PDB file of N, CA and C in Angstrom:
ATOM      1  N   MET A   1       0.836  -1.188   0.000  1.00  0.00           N
ATOM      2  CA  MET A   1       0.000   0.000   0.000  1.00  0.00           C
ATOM      3  C   MET A   1       0.883   1.255   0.000  1.00  0.00           C
ATOM      4  N   ASP A   2       0.532   2.200  -0.836  1.00  0.00           N
ATOM      5  CA  ASP A   2       1.296   3.444  -0.913  1.00  0.00           C
ATOM      6  C   ASP A   2       0.826   4.409   0.180  1.00  0.00           C
ATOM      7  N   GLU A   3       1.796   5.086   0.772  1.00  0.00           N
ATOM      8  CA  GLU A   3       1.472   6.078   1.801  1.00  0.00           C
ATOM      9  C   GLU A   3       1.987   7.429   1.345  1.00  0.00           C
ATOM     10  N   LYS A   4       1.163   8.460   1.488  1.00  0.00           N
ATOM     11  CA  LYS A   4       1.553   9.810   1.081  1.00  0.00           C
ATOM     12  C   LYS A   4       2.162  10.536   2.282  1.00  0.00           C
ATOM     13  N   ILE A   5       3.338  11.107   2.080  1.00  0.00           N
ATOM     14  CA  ILE A   5       4.018  11.877   3.117  1.00  0.00           C
ATOM     15  C   ILE A   5       4.178  13.307   2.596  1.00  0.00           C
ATOM     16  N   GLU A   6       3.683  14.269   3.348  1.00  0.00           N
ATOM     17  CA  GLU A   6       3.769  15.667   2.923  1.00  0.00           C
ATOM     18  C   GLU A   6       4.980  16.348   3.546  1.00  0.00           C
ATOM     19  N   ILE A   7       5.675  17.124   2.720  1.00  0.00           N
ATOM     20  CA  ILE A   7       6.787  17.932   3.214  1.00  0.00           C
ATOM     21  C   ILE A   7       6.455  19.406   2.970  1.00  0.00           C
ATOM     22  N   ARG A   8       6.988  20.264   3.814  1.00  0.00           N
ATOM     23  CA  ARG A   8       6.684  21.692   3.722  1.00  0.00           C
ATOM     24  C   ARG A   8       7.812  22.507   3.089  1.00  0.00           C
ATOM     25  N   THR A   9       8.866  21.834   2.676  1.00  0.00           N
ATOM     26  CA  THR A   9      10.010  22.510   2.076  1.00  0.00           C
ATOM     27  C   THR A   9      10.154  22.074   0.618  1.00  0.00           C
ATOM     28  N   GLU A  10      11.041  22.748  -0.112  1.00  0.00           N
ATOM     29  CA  GLU A  10      11.258  22.420  -1.517  1.00  0.00           C
ATOM     30  C   GLU A  10      11.782  20.990  -1.672  1.00  0.00           C
ATOM     31  N   PHE A  11      12.654  20.580  -0.743  1.00  0.00           N
ATOM     32  CA  PHE A  11      13.194  19.220  -0.766  1.00  0.00           C
ATOM     33  C   PHE A  11      13.597  18.824   0.650  1.00  0.00           C
ATOM     34  N   ILE A  12      13.867  17.545   0.825  1.00  0.00           N
ATOM     35  CA  ILE A  12      14.369  17.019   2.088  1.00  0.00           C
ATOM     36  C   ILE A  12      15.386  15.936   1.732  1.00  0.00           C
ATOM     37  N   LYS A  13      16.454  15.849   2.490  1.00  0.00           N
ATOM     38  CA  LYS A  13      17.466  14.834   2.197  1.00  0.00           C
ATOM     39  C   LYS A  13      16.913  13.456   2.544  1.00  0.00           C
ATOM     40  N   LEU A  14      17.359  12.458   1.803  1.00  0.00           N
ATOM     41  CA  LEU A  14      16.817  11.105   1.923  1.00  0.00           C
ATOM     42  C   LEU A  14      16.858  10.576   3.344  1.00  0.00           C
ATOM     43  N   ASP A  15      18.003  10.658   4.009  1.00  0.00           N
ATOM     44  CA  ASP A  15      18.071  10.103   5.365  1.00  0.00           C
ATOM     45  C   ASP A  15      17.137  10.856   6.323  1.00  0.00           C
ATOM     46  N   ALA A  16      17.029  12.169   6.144  1.00  0.00           N
ATOM     47  CA  ALA A  16      16.123  12.961   6.981  1.00  0.00           C
ATOM     48  C   ALA A  16      14.664  12.610   6.686  1.00  0.00           C
ATOM     49  N   PHE A  17      14.361  12.331   5.419  1.00  0.00           N
ATOM     50  CA  PHE A  17      13.001  11.936   5.042  1.00  0.00           C
ATOM     51  C   PHE A  17      12.606  10.632   5.723  1.00  0.00           C
ATOM     52  N   LEU A  18      13.511   9.659   5.716  1.00  0.00           N
ATOM     53  CA  LEU A  18      13.209   8.367   6.332  1.00  0.00           C
ATOM     54  C   LEU A  18      12.873   8.522   7.810  1.00  0.00           C
ATOM     55  N   LYS A  19      13.584   9.405   8.489  1.00  0.00           N
ATOM     56  CA  LYS A  19      13.322   9.657   9.912  1.00  0.00           C
ATOM     57  C   LYS A  19      12.043  10.492  10.073  1.00  0.00           C
ATOM     58  N   PHE A  20      11.895  11.546   9.291  1.00  0.00           N
ATOM     59  CA  PHE A  20      10.727  12.434   9.355  1.00  0.00           C
ATOM     60  C   PHE A  20       9.428  11.664   9.148  1.00  0.00           C
ATOM     61  N   ALA A  21       9.433  10.743   8.192  1.00  0.00           N
ATOM     62  CA  ALA A  21       8.229   9.987   7.850  1.00  0.00           C
ATOM     63  C   ALA A  21       7.950   8.858   8.841  1.00  0.00           C
ATOM     64  N   GLY A  22       8.885   8.624   9.759  1.00  0.00           N
ATOM     65  CA  GLY A  22       8.698   7.554  10.728  1.00  0.00           C
ATOM     66  C   GLY A  22       9.024   6.182  10.170  1.00  0.00           C
ATOM     67  N   ILE A  23       9.675   6.152   9.017  1.00  0.00           N
ATOM     68  CA  ILE A  23      10.049   4.892   8.388  1.00  0.00           C
ATOM     69  C   ILE A  23      11.198   4.256   9.164  1.00  0.00           C
ATOM     70  N   CYS A  24      12.129   5.090   9.616  1.00  0.00           N
ATOM     71  CA  CYS A  24      13.258   4.647  10.444  1.00  0.00           C
ATOM     72  C   CYS A  24      13.180   5.399  11.774  1.00  0.00           C
ATOM     73  N   GLU A  25      13.479   4.701  12.871  1.00  0.00           N
ATOM     74  CA  GLU A  25      13.370   5.326  14.194  1.00  0.00           C
ATOM     75  C   GLU A  25      14.425   6.394  14.443  1.00  0.00           C
ATOM     76  N   THR A  26      15.638   6.173  13.920  1.00  0.00           N
ATOM     77  CA  THR A  26      16.726   7.124  14.167  1.00  0.00           C
ATOM     78  C   THR A  26      17.450   7.445  12.869  1.00  0.00           C
ATOM     79  N   GLY A  27      18.235   8.516  12.923  1.00  0.00           N
ATOM     80  CA  GLY A  27      19.056   8.872  11.772  1.00  0.00           C
ATOM     81  C   GLY A  27      20.086   7.804  11.469  1.00  0.00           C
ATOM     82  N   GLY A  28      20.582   7.148  12.508  1.00  0.00           N
ATOM     83  CA  GLY A  28      21.570   6.081  12.319  1.00  0.00           C
ATOM     84  C   GLY A  28      20.993   4.899  11.572  1.00  0.00           C
ATOM     85  N   ILE A  29      19.758   4.538  11.906  1.00  0.00           N
ATOM     86  CA  ILE A  29      19.098   3.432  11.202  1.00  0.00           C
ATOM     87  C   ILE A  29      18.842   3.829   9.748  1.00  0.00           C
ATOM     88  N   ALA A  30      18.445   5.079   9.529  1.00  0.00           N
ATOM     89  CA  ALA A  30      18.212   5.573   8.167  1.00  0.00           C
ATOM     90  C   ALA A  30      19.503   5.519   7.363  1.00  0.00           C
ATOM     91  N   LYS A  31      20.597   5.971   7.961  1.00  0.00           N
ATOM     92  CA  LYS A  31      21.907   5.958   7.299  1.00  0.00           C
ATOM     93  C   LYS A  31      22.285   4.534   6.892  1.00  0.00           C
ATOM     94  N   GLU A  32      22.112   3.601   7.814  1.00  0.00           N
ATOM     95  CA  GLU A  32      22.435   2.194   7.555  1.00  0.00           C
ATOM     96  C   GLU A  32      21.601   1.623   6.407  1.00  0.00           C
ATOM     97  N   ALA A  33      20.302   1.922   6.411  1.00  0.00           N
ATOM     98  CA  ALA A  33      19.401   1.417   5.372  1.00  0.00           C
ATOM     99  C   ALA A  33      19.807   1.942   3.997  1.00  0.00           C
ATOM    100  N   VAL A  34      20.134   3.228   3.932  1.00  0.00           N
ATOM    101  CA  VAL A  34      20.525   3.837   2.656  1.00  0.00           C
ATOM    102  C   VAL A  34      21.855   3.267   2.179  1.00  0.00           C
ATOM    103  N   GLN A  35      22.850   3.236   3.052  1.00  0.00           N
ATOM    104  CA  GLN A  35      24.184   2.786   2.650  1.00  0.00           C
ATOM    105  C   GLN A  35      24.226   1.309   2.282  1.00  0.00           C
ATOM    106  N   SER A  36      23.316   0.519   2.837  1.00  0.00           N
ATOM    107  CA  SER A  36      23.312  -0.914   2.524  1.00  0.00           C
ATOM    108  C   SER A  36      22.527  -1.224   1.251  1.00  0.00           C
ATOM    109  N   GLY A  37      21.951  -0.190   0.614  1.00  0.00           N
ATOM    110  CA  GLY A  37      21.261  -0.384  -0.657  1.00  0.00           C
ATOM    111  C   GLY A  37      19.834  -0.890  -0.512  1.00  0.00           C
ATOM    112  N   ASP A  38      19.232  -0.715   0.665  1.00  0.00           N
ATOM    113  CA  ASP A  38      17.873  -1.190   0.911  1.00  0.00           C
ATOM    114  C   ASP A  38      16.796  -0.204   0.471  1.00  0.00           C
ATOM    115  N   VAL A  39      17.200   1.014   0.127  1.00  0.00           N
ATOM    116  CA  VAL A  39      16.229   2.069  -0.194  1.00  0.00           C
ATOM    117  C   VAL A  39      16.221   2.329  -1.698  1.00  0.00           C
ATOM    118  N   LYS A  40      15.006   2.445  -2.248  1.00  0.00           N
ATOM    119  CA  LYS A  40      14.855   2.813  -3.655  1.00  0.00           C
ATOM    120  C   LYS A  40      14.195   4.185  -3.735  1.00  0.00           C
ATOM    121  N   VAL A  41      14.687   5.000  -4.647  1.00  0.00           N
ATOM    122  CA  VAL A  41      14.079   6.298  -4.936  1.00  0.00           C
ATOM    123  C   VAL A  41      13.654   6.275  -6.393  1.00  0.00           C
ATOM    124  N   ASN A  42      12.374   6.483  -6.627  1.00  0.00           N
ATOM    125  CA  ASN A  42      11.812   6.445  -7.982  1.00  0.00           C
ATOM    126  C   ASN A  42      12.169   5.141  -8.703  1.00  0.00           C
ATOM    127  N   GLY A  43      12.130   4.031  -7.950  1.00  0.00           N
ATOM    128  CA  GLY A  43      12.334   2.708  -8.529  1.00  0.00           C
ATOM    129  C   GLY A  43      13.771   2.252  -8.654  1.00  0.00           C
ATOM    130  N   GLU A  44      14.730   3.108  -8.299  1.00  0.00           N
ATOM    131  CA  GLU A  44      16.146   2.752  -8.415  1.00  0.00           C
ATOM    132  C   GLU A  44      16.821   2.776  -7.053  1.00  0.00           C
ATOM    133  N   VAL A  45      17.700   1.795  -6.806  1.00  0.00           N
ATOM    134  CA  VAL A  45      18.436   1.760  -5.543  1.00  0.00           C
ATOM    135  C   VAL A  45      19.247   3.046  -5.406  1.00  0.00           C
ATOM    136  N   CYS A  46      19.182   3.644  -4.229  1.00  0.00           N
ATOM    137  CA  CYS A  46      19.913   4.891  -3.964  1.00  0.00           C
ATOM    138  C   CYS A  46      20.741   4.711  -2.701  1.00  0.00           C
ATOM    139  N   THR A  47      22.043   4.950  -2.807  1.00  0.00           N
ATOM    140  CA  THR A  47      22.933   4.826  -1.650  1.00  0.00           C
ATOM    141  C   THR A  47      23.478   6.186  -1.207  1.00  0.00           C
ATOM    142  N   MET A  48      22.865   7.266  -1.702  1.00  0.00           N
ATOM    143  CA  MET A  48      23.297   8.615  -1.325  1.00  0.00           C
ATOM    144  C   MET A  48      22.377   9.164  -0.238  1.00  0.00           C
ATOM    145  N   ARG A  49      22.884   9.260   0.985  1.00  0.00           N
ATOM    146  CA  ARG A  49      22.071   9.761   2.108  1.00  0.00           C
ATOM    147  C   ARG A  49      21.561  11.164   1.863  1.00  0.00           C
ATOM    148  N   GLY A  50      22.351  11.978   1.183  1.00  0.00           N
ATOM    149  CA  GLY A  50      21.997  13.377   0.967  1.00  0.00           C
ATOM    150  C   GLY A  50      21.171  13.631  -0.275  1.00  0.00           C
ATOM    151  N   LYS A  51      20.704  12.580  -0.937  1.00  0.00           N
ATOM    152  CA  LYS A  51      19.894  12.756  -2.145  1.00  0.00           C
ATOM    153  C   LYS A  51      18.691  13.633  -1.823  1.00  0.00           C
ATOM    154  N   LYS A  52      18.446  14.618  -2.665  1.00  0.00           N
ATOM    155  CA  LYS A  52      17.329  15.534  -2.445  1.00  0.00           C
ATOM    156  C   LYS A  52      16.023  14.873  -2.899  1.00  0.00           C
ATOM    157  N   ILE A  53      15.115  14.744  -1.961  1.00  0.00           N
ATOM    158  CA  ILE A  53      13.809  14.157  -2.234  1.00  0.00           C
ATOM    159  C   ILE A  53      12.816  15.304  -2.363  1.00  0.00           C
ATOM    160  N   ARG A  54      12.091  15.307  -3.483  1.00  0.00           N
ATOM    161  CA  ARG A  54      11.164  16.405  -3.780  1.00  0.00           C
ATOM    162  C   ARG A  54       9.744  15.859  -3.966  1.00  0.00           C
ATOM    163  N   PRO A  55       8.746  16.737  -3.857  1.00  0.00           N
ATOM    164  CA  PRO A  55       7.377  16.285  -4.127  1.00  0.00           C
ATOM    165  C   PRO A  55       7.290  15.604  -5.494  1.00  0.00           C
ATOM    166  N   GLY A  56       6.587  14.484  -5.536  1.00  0.00           N
ATOM    167  CA  GLY A  56       6.464  13.700  -6.763  1.00  0.00           C
ATOM    168  C   GLY A  56       7.365  12.484  -6.760  1.00  0.00           C
ATOM    169  N   ASP A  57       8.399  12.486  -5.905  1.00  0.00           N
ATOM    170  CA  ASP A  57       9.295  11.333  -5.800  1.00  0.00           C
ATOM    171  C   ASP A  57       8.625  10.218  -5.007  1.00  0.00           C
ATOM    172  N   THR A  58       9.098   8.980  -5.233  1.00  0.00           N
ATOM    173  CA  THR A  58       8.658   7.854  -4.417  1.00  0.00           C
ATOM    174  C   THR A  58       9.878   7.255  -3.733  1.00  0.00           C
ATOM    175  N   VAL A  59       9.679   6.820  -2.504  1.00  0.00           N
ATOM    176  CA  VAL A  59      10.743   6.192  -1.711  1.00  0.00           C
ATOM    177  C   VAL A  59      10.218   4.838  -1.260  1.00  0.00           C
ATOM    178  N   GLU A  60      11.029   3.788  -1.464  1.00  0.00           N
ATOM    179  CA  GLU A  60      10.623   2.438  -1.077  1.00  0.00           C
ATOM    180  C   GLU A  60      11.625   1.835  -0.104  1.00  0.00           C
ATOM    181  N   LEU A  61      11.095   1.140   0.900  1.00  0.00           N
ATOM    182  CA  LEU A  61      11.917   0.418   1.869  1.00  0.00           C
ATOM    183  C   LEU A  61      11.094  -0.729   2.419  1.00  0.00           C
ATOM    184  N   ASP A  62      11.681  -1.912   2.441  1.00  0.00           N
ATOM    185  CA  ASP A  62      11.026  -3.107   2.992  1.00  0.00           C
ATOM    186  C   ASP A  62       9.650  -3.367   2.385  1.00  0.00           C
ATOM    187  N   GLY A  63       9.526  -3.157   1.081  1.00  0.00           N
ATOM    188  CA  GLY A  63       8.262  -3.437   0.403  1.00  0.00           C
ATOM    189  C   GLY A  63       7.200  -2.367   0.586  1.00  0.00           C
ATOM    190  N   ASN A  64       7.510  -1.318   1.322  1.00  0.00           N
ATOM    191  CA  ASN A  64       6.563  -0.216   1.516  1.00  0.00           C
ATOM    192  C   ASN A  64       6.949   0.939   0.610  1.00  0.00           C
ATOM    193  N   LYS A  65       5.937   1.575   0.028  1.00  0.00           N
ATOM    194  CA  LYS A  65       6.187   2.674  -0.902  1.00  0.00           C
ATOM    195  C   LYS A  65       5.577   3.954  -0.338  1.00  0.00           C
ATOM    196  N   PHE A  66       6.388   5.005  -0.360  1.00  0.00           N
ATOM    197  CA  PHE A  66       5.982   6.303   0.177  1.00  0.00           C
ATOM    198  C   PHE A  66       6.047   7.343  -0.936  1.00  0.00           C
ATOM    199  N   ILE A  67       4.951   8.056  -1.130  1.00  0.00           N
ATOM    200  CA  ILE A  67       4.885   9.086  -2.162  1.00  0.00           C
ATOM    201  C   ILE A  67       5.055  10.436  -1.487  1.00  0.00           C
ATOM    202  N   VAL A  68       5.999  11.219  -1.968  1.00  0.00           N
ATOM    203  CA  VAL A  68       6.275  12.529  -1.388  1.00  0.00           C
ATOM    204  C   VAL A  68       5.383  13.569  -2.050  1.00  0.00           C
ATOM    205  N   ALA A  69       4.719  14.361  -1.214  1.00  0.00           N
ATOM    206  CA  ALA A  69       3.812  15.383  -1.723  1.00  0.00           C
ATOM    207  C   ALA A  69       4.120  16.721  -1.029  1.00  0.00           C
ATOM    208  N   ALA A  70       3.768  17.797  -1.717  1.00  0.00           N
ATOM    209  CA  ALA A  70       3.937  19.127  -1.121  1.00  0.00           C
ATOM    210  C   ALA A  70       2.771  19.390  -0.180  1.00  0.00           C
ATOM    211  N   ALA A  71       3.053  19.912   1.000  1.00  0.00           N
ATOM    212  CA  ALA A  71       1.993  20.269   1.936  1.00  0.00           C
ATOM    213  C   ALA A  71       1.217  21.463   1.375  1.00  0.00           C
ATOM    214  N   GLU A  72      -0.058  21.420   1.552  1.00  0.00           N
ATOM    215  CA  GLU A  72      -0.899  22.513   1.015  1.00  0.00           C
ATOM    216  C   GLU A  72      -1.148  23.580   2.044  1.00  0.00           C
TER     217      GLU A  72
END
């Protein structure tokens, strides 16, 4: 099931997004997930913690898909 996560800024870094969305409990867990290649951004494995995530992007981890949207 896809879950929509709203952000209030132009972009958010991938590791910060994982923590902000509650996908990972801590920044350290988010860092580990990204560096180990467990995270996909827009369908492709991403190992860059600082990747800029913008509205319209999708982030996947452990079979869960999160759609990034701009807060209204």
